[in-house]
């Protein structure tokens, strides 16, 4: 939990680390992983630098492995698993960056969500689940952004982007009971209202989890725009899903660098997600949300 300047601390953050009442999520390790990804530079889907990074990410996830994205040569999701009964829970983020503008490093648009997924996996792996707990999968999606040569913003973004999440849902029908997506979750002044299409019941459980860990200020009690994102294929498959995204953040701009992020925000989101998933994993009822 840094203390000033470019180390990611900001006194004005919507959720300072000092407000939190638990310490399960390692925000220092998450911050180092954000730095590691940004240092790689631009990381478009299928690029050599992204494939090298994927090798590192796979080793950080429990029972980490690759799943190819059919029809997309060179693309692969990174999947970690905590075993349990099915249908289970998916915690996901995309780890590729925009193809353009040139030099885009995606500190928040890719790296922050990826780091939270990895460190949430570590925290949940360390917790002893109840007997009969659900499976938890940690999925880093490749190809969320459109391929080279396609417009960044498309009226058919569901088809031009979301390649990894669409492939995952198609490959694992009926395996998922709930899905939590982490997108723009690391910026200073973080506010994560309910994204317009996110499942209301699951969102309510997330806000309750945030309240229990002292991070409720980061999850205001109103809804924002509906956004097509990596949770959308899950919603279309009938899976309760929520998208954690601060849509006010300029996530497609070259300014998306480390200096715009906050360890306090990353910590607040990480602790909230860990608290939520612990409860969902140990719940004995079949229905979630």
C-alpha atoms as a PDB file:
ATOM      1  CA  UNK A   1       0.000   0.000   0.000  1.00  0.00           C
ATOM      2  CA  UNK A   2       2.217   2.858  -1.272  1.00  0.00           C
ATOM      3  CA  UNK A   3       2.507   6.288   0.225  1.00  0.00           C
ATOM      4  CA  UNK A   4       2.630   8.956  -2.450  1.00  0.00           C
ATOM      5  CA  UNK A   5       3.465   9.983  -6.001  1.00  0.00           C
ATOM      6  CA  UNK A   6       3.882   7.464  -8.788  1.00  0.00           C
ATOM      7  CA  UNK A   7       3.802   4.438  -6.500  1.00  0.00           C
ATOM      8  CA  UNK A   8       0.063   4.355  -6.961  1.00  0.00           C
ATOM      9  CA  UNK A   9      -1.130   5.927  -3.726  1.00  0.00           C
ATOM     10  CA  UNK A  10      -3.608   8.790  -3.821  1.00  0.00           C
ATOM     11  CA  UNK A  11      -5.251  10.368  -0.824  1.00  0.00           C
ATOM     12  CA  UNK A  12      -8.325  11.204  -2.894  1.00  0.00           C
ATOM     13  CA  UNK A  13      -9.012   7.659  -3.985  1.00  0.00           C
ATOM     14  CA  UNK A  14     -12.598   6.489  -3.623  1.00  0.00           C
ATOM     15  CA  UNK A  15     -11.334   3.560  -1.594  1.00  0.00           C
ATOM     16  CA  UNK A  16      -8.160   4.037   0.381  1.00  0.00           C
ATOM     17  CA  UNK A  17      -6.426   0.945   1.700  1.00  0.00           C
ATOM     18  CA  UNK A  18      -6.714   2.341   5.218  1.00  0.00           C
ATOM     19  CA  UNK A  19     -10.506   1.949   5.086  1.00  0.00           C
ATOM     20  CA  UNK A  20     -10.413  -1.810   4.622  1.00  0.00           C
ATOM     21  CA  UNK A  21     -11.247  -4.145   7.484  1.00  0.00           C
ATOM     22  CA  UNK A  22      -9.572  -7.307   6.108  1.00  0.00           C
ATOM     23  CA  UNK A  23      -6.182  -8.153   4.620  1.00  0.00           C
ATOM     24  CA  UNK A  24      -6.503 -11.250   2.434  1.00  0.00           C
ATOM     25  CA  UNK A  25      -5.572  -9.724  -0.920  1.00  0.00           C
ATOM     26  CA  UNK A  26      -1.916  -8.826  -1.577  1.00  0.00           C
ATOM     27  CA  UNK A  27      -2.109  -5.417  -3.249  1.00  0.00           C
ATOM     28  CA  UNK A  28       1.677  -5.067  -3.303  1.00  0.00           C
ATOM     29  CA  UNK A  29       2.003  -8.243  -5.387  1.00  0.00           C
ATOM     30  CA  UNK A  30      -0.860  -7.071  -7.606  1.00  0.00           C
ATOM     31  CA  UNK A  31       0.869  -3.737  -8.146  1.00  0.00           C
ATOM     32  CA  UNK A  32       4.115  -5.477  -9.111  1.00  0.00           C
ATOM     33  CA  UNK A  33       2.219  -7.565 -11.657  1.00  0.00           C
ATOM     34  CA  UNK A  34       0.659  -4.427 -13.153  1.00  0.00           C
ATOM     35  CA  UNK A  35       4.148  -2.952 -13.448  1.00  0.00           C
ATOM     36  CA  UNK A  36       5.444  -6.141 -15.068  1.00  0.00           C
ATOM     37  CA  UNK A  37       2.734  -6.059 -17.733  1.00  0.00           C
ATOM     38  CA  UNK A  38       3.156  -2.370 -18.488  1.00  0.00           C
ATOM     39  CA  UNK A  39       6.909  -2.857 -18.816  1.00  0.00           C
ATOM     40  CA  UNK A  40       6.258  -5.340 -21.646  1.00  0.00           C
ATOM     41  CA  UNK A  41       4.666  -2.472 -23.596  1.00  0.00           C
ATOM     42  CA  UNK A  42       1.843  -2.814 -26.070  1.00  0.00           C
ATOM     43  CA  UNK A  43       0.467  -6.381 -25.975  1.00  0.00           C
ATOM     44  CA  UNK A  44      -1.970  -7.005 -28.848  1.00  0.00           C
ATOM     45  CA  UNK A  45      -3.675 -10.380 -29.123  1.00  0.00           C
ATOM     46  CA  UNK A  46      -1.454 -12.987 -30.750  1.00  0.00           C
ATOM     47  CA  UNK A  47       1.706 -10.881 -30.538  1.00  0.00           C
ATOM     48  CA  UNK A  48       5.008 -12.510 -29.490  1.00  0.00           C
ATOM     49  CA  UNK A  49       5.237 -10.286 -26.417  1.00  0.00           C
ATOM     50  CA  UNK A  50       1.749 -11.252 -25.262  1.00  0.00           C
ATOM     51  CA  UNK A  51       2.495 -14.941 -25.733  1.00  0.00           C
ATOM     52  CA  UNK A  52       5.646 -14.597 -23.622  1.00  0.00           C
ATOM     53  CA  UNK A  53       3.661 -12.783 -20.923  1.00  0.00           C
ATOM     54  CA  UNK A  54       1.033 -15.537 -21.030  1.00  0.00           C
ATOM     55  CA  UNK A  55       3.688 -18.071 -20.020  1.00  0.00           C
ATOM     56  CA  UNK A  56       4.374 -16.043 -16.876  1.00  0.00           C
ATOM     57  CA  UNK A  57       0.686 -15.596 -16.094  1.00  0.00           C
ATOM     58  CA  UNK A  58      -0.010 -19.307 -16.483  1.00  0.00           C
ATOM     59  CA  UNK A  59       2.591 -20.113 -13.829  1.00  0.00           C
ATOM     60  CA  UNK A  60       0.940 -17.675 -11.412  1.00  0.00           C
ATOM     61  CA  UNK A  61      -2.493 -19.311 -11.547  1.00  0.00           C
ATOM     62  CA  UNK A  62      -3.437 -22.505  -9.667  1.00  0.00           C
ATOM     63  CA  UNK A  63      -3.190 -25.474 -12.042  1.00  0.00           C
ATOM     64  CA  UNK A  64      -2.662 -22.921 -14.798  1.00  0.00           C
ATOM     65  CA  UNK A  65      -3.024 -24.015 -18.412  1.00  0.00           C
ATOM     66  CA  UNK A  66      -3.787 -22.644 -21.863  1.00  0.00           C
ATOM     67  CA  UNK A  67      -6.989 -23.044 -23.845  1.00  0.00           C
ATOM     68  CA  UNK A  68      -6.764 -22.191 -27.563  1.00  0.00           C
ATOM     69  CA  UNK A  69      -9.291 -19.830 -29.134  1.00  0.00           C
ATOM     70  CA  UNK A  70     -10.704 -21.775 -32.118  1.00  0.00           C
ATOM     71  CA  UNK A  71     -10.455 -19.979 -35.434  1.00  0.00           C
ATOM     72  CA  UNK A  72      -7.967 -17.461 -34.037  1.00  0.00           C
ATOM     73  CA  UNK A  73      -4.412 -18.735 -34.643  1.00  0.00           C
ATOM     74  CA  UNK A  74      -2.033 -17.730 -31.881  1.00  0.00           C
ATOM     75  CA  UNK A  75      -4.743 -16.722 -29.420  1.00  0.00           C
ATOM     76  CA  UNK A  76      -5.165 -18.563 -26.134  1.00  0.00           C
ATOM     77  CA  UNK A  77      -6.933 -18.018 -22.850  1.00  0.00           C
ATOM     78  CA  UNK A  78      -5.046 -18.618 -19.621  1.00  0.00           C
ATOM     79  CA  UNK A  79      -7.102 -20.685 -17.167  1.00  0.00           C
ATOM     80  CA  UNK A  80      -6.492 -21.539 -13.509  1.00  0.00           C
ATOM     81  CA  UNK A  81      -8.731 -23.776 -11.403  1.00  0.00           C
ATOM     82  CA  UNK A  82      -9.576 -24.409  -7.768  1.00  0.00           C
ATOM     83  CA  UNK A  83     -11.440 -27.739  -7.918  1.00  0.00           C
ATOM     84  CA  UNK A  84     -14.973 -28.145  -6.593  1.00  0.00           C
ATOM     85  CA  UNK A  85     -18.520 -28.977  -7.571  1.00  0.00           C
ATOM     86  CA  UNK A  86     -20.048 -27.647 -10.742  1.00  0.00           C
ATOM     87  CA  UNK A  87     -21.464 -25.396 -11.985  1.00  0.00           C
ATOM     88  CA  UNK A  88     -18.786 -23.131 -10.586  1.00  0.00           C
ATOM     89  CA  UNK A  89     -17.665 -19.517 -10.573  1.00  0.00           C
ATOM     90  CA  UNK A  90     -15.530 -17.677 -13.125  1.00  0.00           C
ATOM     91  CA  UNK A  91     -13.422 -14.648 -12.231  1.00  0.00           C
ATOM     92  CA  UNK A  92     -12.029 -13.109 -15.409  1.00  0.00           C
ATOM     93  CA  UNK A  93     -10.249 -10.252 -17.157  1.00  0.00           C
ATOM     94  CA  UNK A  94      -8.684  -9.703 -20.563  1.00  0.00           C
ATOM     95  CA  UNK A  95      -4.894  -9.568 -20.783  1.00  0.00           C
ATOM     96  CA  UNK A  96      -4.432  -8.226 -24.320  1.00  0.00           C
ATOM     97  CA  UNK A  97      -4.261  -4.532 -25.195  1.00  0.00           C
ATOM     98  CA  UNK A  98      -5.537  -2.371 -28.016  1.00  0.00           C
ATOM     99  CA  UNK A  99      -3.773  -2.654 -31.361  1.00  0.00           C
ATOM    100  CA  UNK A 100      -3.801   1.156 -31.634  1.00  0.00           C
ATOM    101  CA  UNK A 101      -2.939   3.853 -30.764  1.00  0.00           C
ATOM    102  CA  UNK A 102       0.696   2.885 -31.175  1.00  0.00           C
ATOM    103  CA  UNK A 103       2.467   2.701 -27.829  1.00  0.00           C
ATOM    104  CA  UNK A 104      -0.668   1.967 -25.789  1.00  0.00           C
ATOM    105  CA  UNK A 105       0.416   0.095 -22.613  1.00  0.00           C
ATOM    106  CA  UNK A 106      -2.991  -0.560 -21.032  1.00  0.00           C
ATOM    107  CA  UNK A 107      -2.240  -0.038 -17.338  1.00  0.00           C
ATOM    108  CA  UNK A 108      -5.942  -0.041 -16.461  1.00  0.00           C
ATOM    109  CA  UNK A 109      -7.364  -1.425 -19.702  1.00  0.00           C
ATOM    110  CA  UNK A 110      -5.969  -4.888 -19.267  1.00  0.00           C
ATOM    111  CA  UNK A 111      -3.155  -4.945 -16.721  1.00  0.00           C
ATOM    112  CA  UNK A 112      -5.029  -3.962 -13.544  1.00  0.00           C
ATOM    113  CA  UNK A 113      -7.858  -6.457 -14.025  1.00  0.00           C
ATOM    114  CA  UNK A 114      -5.400  -9.211 -14.872  1.00  0.00           C
ATOM    115  CA  UNK A 115      -3.403  -8.511 -11.711  1.00  0.00           C
ATOM    116  CA  UNK A 116      -6.522  -8.586  -9.533  1.00  0.00           C
ATOM    117  CA  UNK A 117      -7.579 -11.943 -11.005  1.00  0.00           C
ATOM    118  CA  UNK A 118      -4.146 -13.461 -10.340  1.00  0.00           C
ATOM    119  CA  UNK A 119      -3.906 -12.210  -6.755  1.00  0.00           C
ATOM    120  CA  UNK A 120      -7.531 -13.086  -5.993  1.00  0.00           C
ATOM    121  CA  UNK A 121      -6.673 -16.616  -7.109  1.00  0.00           C
ATOM    122  CA  UNK A 122      -3.746 -16.687  -4.708  1.00  0.00           C
ATOM    123  CA  UNK A 123      -5.887 -15.437  -1.814  1.00  0.00           C
ATOM    124  CA  UNK A 124      -8.693 -17.895  -2.501  1.00  0.00           C
ATOM    125  CA  UNK A 125      -6.269 -20.795  -2.886  1.00  0.00           C
ATOM    126  CA  UNK A 126      -4.966 -20.028   0.616  1.00  0.00           C
ATOM    127  CA  UNK A 127      -8.450 -20.144   2.185  1.00  0.00           C
ATOM    128  CA  UNK A 128      -9.861 -23.491   3.293  1.00  0.00           C
ATOM    129  CA  UNK A 129     -13.219 -23.997   1.527  1.00  0.00           C
ATOM    130  CA  UNK A 130     -16.172 -25.756   3.103  1.00  0.00           C
ATOM    131  CA  UNK A 131     -16.966 -29.324   2.150  1.00  0.00           C
ATOM    132  CA  UNK A 132     -18.862 -29.375  -1.124  1.00  0.00           C
ATOM    133  CA  UNK A 133     -17.583 -25.955  -2.215  1.00  0.00           C
ATOM    134  CA  UNK A 134     -17.968 -24.870  -5.816  1.00  0.00           C
ATOM    135  CA  UNK A 135     -15.222 -24.918  -8.410  1.00  0.00           C
ATOM    136  CA  UNK A 136     -13.607 -21.514  -9.044  1.00  0.00           C
ATOM    137  CA  UNK A 137     -11.970 -20.751 -12.378  1.00  0.00           C
ATOM    138  CA  UNK A 138      -9.715 -17.793 -13.083  1.00  0.00           C
ATOM    139  CA  UNK A 139      -9.743 -16.946 -16.778  1.00  0.00           C
ATOM    140  CA  UNK A 140      -7.539 -14.403 -18.553  1.00  0.00           C
ATOM    141  CA  UNK A 141      -9.181 -13.814 -21.913  1.00  0.00           C
ATOM    142  CA  UNK A 142      -7.176 -13.252 -25.077  1.00  0.00           C
ATOM    143  CA  UNK A 143      -8.529 -11.221 -27.988  1.00  0.00           C
ATOM    144  CA  UNK A 144     -10.939  -8.973 -26.117  1.00  0.00           C
ATOM    145  CA  UNK A 145      -9.903  -6.116 -28.377  1.00  0.00           C
ATOM    146  CA  UNK A 146     -10.641  -6.291 -32.132  1.00  0.00           C
ATOM    147  CA  UNK A 147      -7.954  -7.731 -34.400  1.00  0.00           C
ATOM    148  CA  UNK A 148      -5.523  -5.595 -36.393  1.00  0.00           C
ATOM    149  CA  UNK A 149      -7.159  -3.958 -39.385  1.00  0.00           C
ATOM    150  CA  UNK A 150     -10.559  -3.714 -37.698  1.00  0.00           C
ATOM    151  CA  UNK A 151     -11.924  -0.476 -36.232  1.00  0.00           C
ATOM    152  CA  UNK A 152     -11.363  -0.054 -32.506  1.00  0.00           C
ATOM    153  CA  UNK A 153     -14.989   0.879 -32.022  1.00  0.00           C
ATOM    154  CA  UNK A 154     -17.418  -1.290 -33.946  1.00  0.00           C
ATOM    155  CA  UNK A 155     -21.189  -1.499 -34.052  1.00  0.00           C
ATOM    156  CA  UNK A 156     -20.627  -5.255 -34.008  1.00  0.00           C
ATOM    157  CA  UNK A 157     -17.999  -5.360 -31.250  1.00  0.00           C
ATOM    158  CA  UNK A 158     -19.570  -8.569 -29.929  1.00  0.00           C
ATOM    159  CA  UNK A 159     -18.308 -10.272 -33.120  1.00  0.00           C
ATOM    160  CA  UNK A 160     -15.084  -8.346 -33.774  1.00  0.00           C
ATOM    161  CA  UNK A 161     -13.896  -8.503 -30.164  1.00  0.00           C
ATOM    162  CA  UNK A 162     -14.554 -10.719 -27.133  1.00  0.00           C
ATOM    163  CA  UNK A 163     -12.897 -13.591 -28.972  1.00  0.00           C
ATOM    164  CA  UNK A 164     -11.537 -15.308 -25.885  1.00  0.00           C
ATOM    165  CA  UNK A 165     -14.674 -15.021 -23.759  1.00  0.00           C
ATOM    166  CA  UNK A 166     -16.949 -16.190 -26.571  1.00  0.00           C
ATOM    167  CA  UNK A 167     -14.705 -19.199 -27.106  1.00  0.00           C
ATOM    168  CA  UNK A 168     -14.616 -20.005 -23.381  1.00  0.00           C
ATOM    169  CA  UNK A 169     -18.411 -19.955 -23.043  1.00  0.00           C
ATOM    170  CA  UNK A 170     -18.821 -22.113 -26.153  1.00  0.00           C
ATOM    171  CA  UNK A 171     -16.291 -24.660 -24.867  1.00  0.00           C
ATOM    172  CA  UNK A 172     -17.812 -24.928 -21.382  1.00  0.00           C
ATOM    173  CA  UNK A 173     -21.604 -24.930 -21.626  1.00  0.00           C
ATOM    174  CA  UNK A 174     -23.378 -25.383 -18.291  1.00  0.00           C
ATOM    175  CA  UNK A 175     -20.107 -25.222 -16.331  1.00  0.00           C
ATOM    176  CA  UNK A 176     -20.561 -21.718 -14.890  1.00  0.00           C
ATOM    177  CA  UNK A 177     -23.063 -20.579 -12.246  1.00  0.00           C
ATOM    178  CA  UNK A 178     -21.776 -16.995 -11.909  1.00  0.00           C
ATOM    179  CA  UNK A 179     -19.168 -14.775 -13.539  1.00  0.00           C
ATOM    180  CA  UNK A 180     -17.295 -11.694 -12.280  1.00  0.00           C
ATOM    181  CA  UNK A 181     -15.411  -9.590 -14.847  1.00  0.00           C
ATOM    182  CA  UNK A 182     -12.667  -7.127 -13.913  1.00  0.00           C
ATOM    183  CA  UNK A 183     -11.951  -4.438 -16.494  1.00  0.00           C
ATOM    184  CA  UNK A 184     -11.163  -0.809 -15.535  1.00  0.00           C
ATOM    185  CA  UNK A 185     -10.681  -1.420 -11.814  1.00  0.00           C
ATOM    186  CA  UNK A 186      -7.391   0.223 -10.828  1.00  0.00           C
ATOM    187  CA  UNK A 187      -7.718   3.947 -11.450  1.00  0.00           C
ATOM    188  CA  UNK A 188      -7.520   6.755  -8.930  1.00  0.00           C
ATOM    189  CA  UNK A 189     -10.899   8.046  -7.789  1.00  0.00           C
ATOM    190  CA  UNK A 190     -12.403   4.674  -8.667  1.00  0.00           C
ATOM    191  CA  UNK A 191     -16.206   4.412  -8.907  1.00  0.00           C
ATOM    192  CA  UNK A 192     -17.807   1.142  -9.991  1.00  0.00           C
ATOM    193  CA  UNK A 193     -21.566   1.585 -10.317  1.00  0.00           C
ATOM    194  CA  UNK A 194     -23.567  -1.341 -11.614  1.00  0.00           C
ATOM    195  CA  UNK A 195     -22.898  -1.682 -15.359  1.00  0.00           C
ATOM    196  CA  UNK A 196     -26.285  -1.570 -17.073  1.00  0.00           C
ATOM    197  CA  UNK A 197     -26.525  -5.218 -18.125  1.00  0.00           C
ATOM    198  CA  UNK A 198     -24.945  -6.727 -14.999  1.00  0.00           C
ATOM    199  CA  UNK A 199     -27.088  -9.200 -13.070  1.00  0.00           C
ATOM    200  CA  UNK A 200     -28.868  -7.284 -10.320  1.00  0.00           C
ATOM    201  CA  UNK A 201     -28.855 -10.051  -7.719  1.00  0.00           C
ATOM    202  CA  UNK A 202     -25.171 -10.828  -8.163  1.00  0.00           C
ATOM    203  CA  UNK A 203     -24.352  -7.123  -8.090  1.00  0.00           C
ATOM    204  CA  UNK A 204     -26.220  -6.775  -4.801  1.00  0.00           C
ATOM    205  CA  UNK A 205     -24.117  -9.588  -3.360  1.00  0.00           C
ATOM    206  CA  UNK A 206     -20.958  -7.845  -4.568  1.00  0.00           C
ATOM    207  CA  UNK A 207     -21.950  -4.578  -2.883  1.00  0.00           C
ATOM    208  CA  UNK A 208     -22.716  -6.463   0.321  1.00  0.00           C
ATOM    209  CA  UNK A 209     -19.276  -8.095   0.138  1.00  0.00           C
ATOM    210  CA  UNK A 210     -17.659  -4.690  -0.432  1.00  0.00           C
ATOM    211  CA  UNK A 211     -19.501  -3.308   2.580  1.00  0.00           C
ATOM    212  CA  UNK A 212     -18.232  -6.140   4.785  1.00  0.00           C
ATOM    213  CA  UNK A 213     -14.596  -5.445   3.847  1.00  0.00           C
ATOM    214  CA  UNK A 214     -14.887  -1.655   4.095  1.00  0.00           C
ATOM    215  CA  UNK A 215     -14.833  -0.896   0.356  1.00  0.00           C
ATOM    216  CA  UNK A 216     -18.447   0.118  -0.223  1.00  0.00           C
ATOM    217  CA  UNK A 217     -17.472   3.646  -1.381  1.00  0.00           C
ATOM    218  CA  UNK A 218     -16.010   2.164  -4.563  1.00  0.00           C
ATOM    219  CA  UNK A 219     -19.383   0.590  -5.476  1.00  0.00           C
ATOM    220  CA  UNK A 220     -21.993   3.402  -5.528  1.00  0.00           C
ATOM    221  CA  UNK A 221     -25.684   2.413  -5.402  1.00  0.00           C
ATOM    222  CA  UNK A 222     -26.701   3.350  -8.936  1.00  0.00           C
ATOM    223  CA  UNK A 223     -26.371   1.983 -12.465  1.00  0.00           C
ATOM    224  CA  UNK A 224     -24.333   3.234 -15.425  1.00  0.00           C
ATOM    225  CA  UNK A 225     -24.322   2.597 -19.169  1.00  0.00           C
ATOM    226  CA  UNK A 226     -24.771  -0.848 -20.658  1.00  0.00           C
ATOM    227  CA  UNK A 227     -21.413  -2.022 -22.028  1.00  0.00           C
ATOM    228  CA  UNK A 228     -20.606  -4.941 -24.296  1.00  0.00           C
ATOM    229  CA  UNK A 229     -17.679  -6.661 -22.581  1.00  0.00           C
ATOM    230  CA  UNK A 230     -16.280 -10.092 -21.732  1.00  0.00           C
ATOM    231  CA  UNK A 231     -19.232 -10.753 -19.412  1.00  0.00           C
ATOM    232  CA  UNK A 232     -21.663 -10.450 -22.342  1.00  0.00           C
ATOM    233  CA  UNK A 233     -21.201 -13.998 -23.727  1.00  0.00           C
ATOM    234  CA  UNK A 234     -21.930 -15.343 -20.228  1.00  0.00           C
ATOM    235  CA  UNK A 235     -25.101 -13.262 -19.960  1.00  0.00           C
ATOM    236  CA  UNK A 236     -26.242 -14.488 -23.371  1.00  0.00           C
ATOM    237  CA  UNK A 237     -25.728 -18.054 -22.134  1.00  0.00           C
ATOM    238  CA  UNK A 238     -27.983 -17.362 -19.143  1.00  0.00           C
ATOM    239  CA  UNK A 239     -25.179 -17.060 -16.586  1.00  0.00           C
ATOM    240  CA  UNK A 240     -25.494 -14.331 -13.921  1.00  0.00           C
ATOM    241  CA  UNK A 241     -22.543 -12.016 -14.588  1.00  0.00           C
ATOM    242  CA  UNK A 242     -21.286  -8.595 -13.503  1.00  0.00           C
ATOM    243  CA  UNK A 243     -18.814  -6.222 -15.137  1.00  0.00           C
ATOM    244  CA  UNK A 244     -16.607  -4.149 -12.842  1.00  0.00           C
ATOM    245  CA  UNK A 245     -15.669  -1.181 -15.012  1.00  0.00           C
ATOM    246  CA  UNK A 246     -15.248   2.533 -14.323  1.00  0.00           C
ATOM    247  CA  UNK A 247     -16.510   3.722 -17.706  1.00  0.00           C
ATOM    248  CA  UNK A 248     -15.565   7.335 -16.903  1.00  0.00           C
ATOM    249  CA  UNK A 249     -11.892   6.344 -17.229  1.00  0.00           C
ATOM    250  CA  UNK A 250     -10.237   7.105 -20.639  1.00  0.00           C
ATOM    251  CA  UNK A 251      -9.277   3.494 -21.248  1.00  0.00           C
ATOM    252  CA  UNK A 252      -8.547   3.870 -24.975  1.00  0.00           C
ATOM    253  CA  UNK A 253      -6.127   6.770 -24.560  1.00  0.00           C
ATOM    254  CA  UNK A 254      -2.327   6.820 -24.483  1.00  0.00           C
ATOM    255  CA  UNK A 255      -2.606   8.402 -21.042  1.00  0.00           C
ATOM    256  CA  UNK A 256      -3.574   4.990 -19.588  1.00  0.00           C
ATOM    257  CA  UNK A 257      -0.333   4.589 -17.631  1.00  0.00           C
ATOM    258  CA  UNK A 258       0.796   3.632 -14.145  1.00  0.00           C
ATOM    259  CA  UNK A 259       0.526   7.219 -12.918  1.00  0.00           C
ATOM    260  CA  UNK A 260      -3.267   7.021 -13.334  1.00  0.00           C
ATOM    261  CA  UNK A 261      -3.619   3.999 -11.041  1.00  0.00           C
ATOM    262  CA  UNK A 262      -4.032   3.586  -7.288  1.00  0.00           C
ATOM    263  CA  UNK A 263      -2.997   0.705  -5.049  1.00  0.00           C
ATOM    264  CA  UNK A 264      -5.906   1.633  -2.811  1.00  0.00           C
ATOM    265  CA  UNK A 265      -8.369   1.063  -5.659  1.00  0.00           C
ATOM    266  CA  UNK A 266      -6.765  -2.250  -6.604  1.00  0.00           C
ATOM    267  CA  UNK A 267      -6.812  -3.344  -2.971  1.00  0.00           C
ATOM    268  CA  UNK A 268     -10.473  -2.384  -2.491  1.00  0.00           C
ATOM    269  CA  UNK A 269     -11.559  -4.308  -5.571  1.00  0.00           C
ATOM    270  CA  UNK A 270      -9.388  -7.307  -4.756  1.00  0.00           C
ATOM    271  CA  UNK A 271     -10.670  -7.620  -1.199  1.00  0.00           C
ATOM    272  CA  UNK A 272     -14.281  -7.211  -2.370  1.00  0.00           C
ATOM    273  CA  UNK A 273     -13.971  -9.875  -5.056  1.00  0.00           C
ATOM    274  CA  UNK A 274     -12.271 -12.323  -2.691  1.00  0.00           C
ATOM    275  CA  UNK A 275     -15.037 -11.783  -0.128  1.00  0.00           C
ATOM    276  CA  UNK A 276     -17.745 -12.259  -2.753  1.00  0.00           C
ATOM    277  CA  UNK A 277     -16.251 -15.421  -4.219  1.00  0.00           C
ATOM    278  CA  UNK A 278     -15.636 -16.965  -0.794  1.00  0.00           C
ATOM    279  CA  UNK A 279     -19.351 -16.641  -0.112  1.00  0.00           C
ATOM    280  CA  UNK A 280     -20.434 -17.893  -3.534  1.00  0.00           C
ATOM    281  CA  UNK A 281     -18.008 -20.825  -3.399  1.00  0.00           C
ATOM    282  CA  UNK A 282     -19.239 -22.041  -0.027  1.00  0.00           C
ATOM    283  CA  UNK A 283     -22.960 -21.511  -0.674  1.00  0.00           C
ATOM    284  CA  UNK A 284     -24.824 -24.806  -0.787  1.00  0.00           C
ATOM    285  CA  UNK A 285     -27.774 -23.694  -2.884  1.00  0.00           C
ATOM    286  CA  UNK A 286     -27.643 -24.273  -6.648  1.00  0.00           C
ATOM    287  CA  UNK A 287     -28.868 -20.811  -7.591  1.00  0.00           C
ATOM    288  CA  UNK A 288     -26.640 -17.714  -7.399  1.00  0.00           C
ATOM    289  CA  UNK A 289     -27.710 -14.119  -7.593  1.00  0.00           C
END
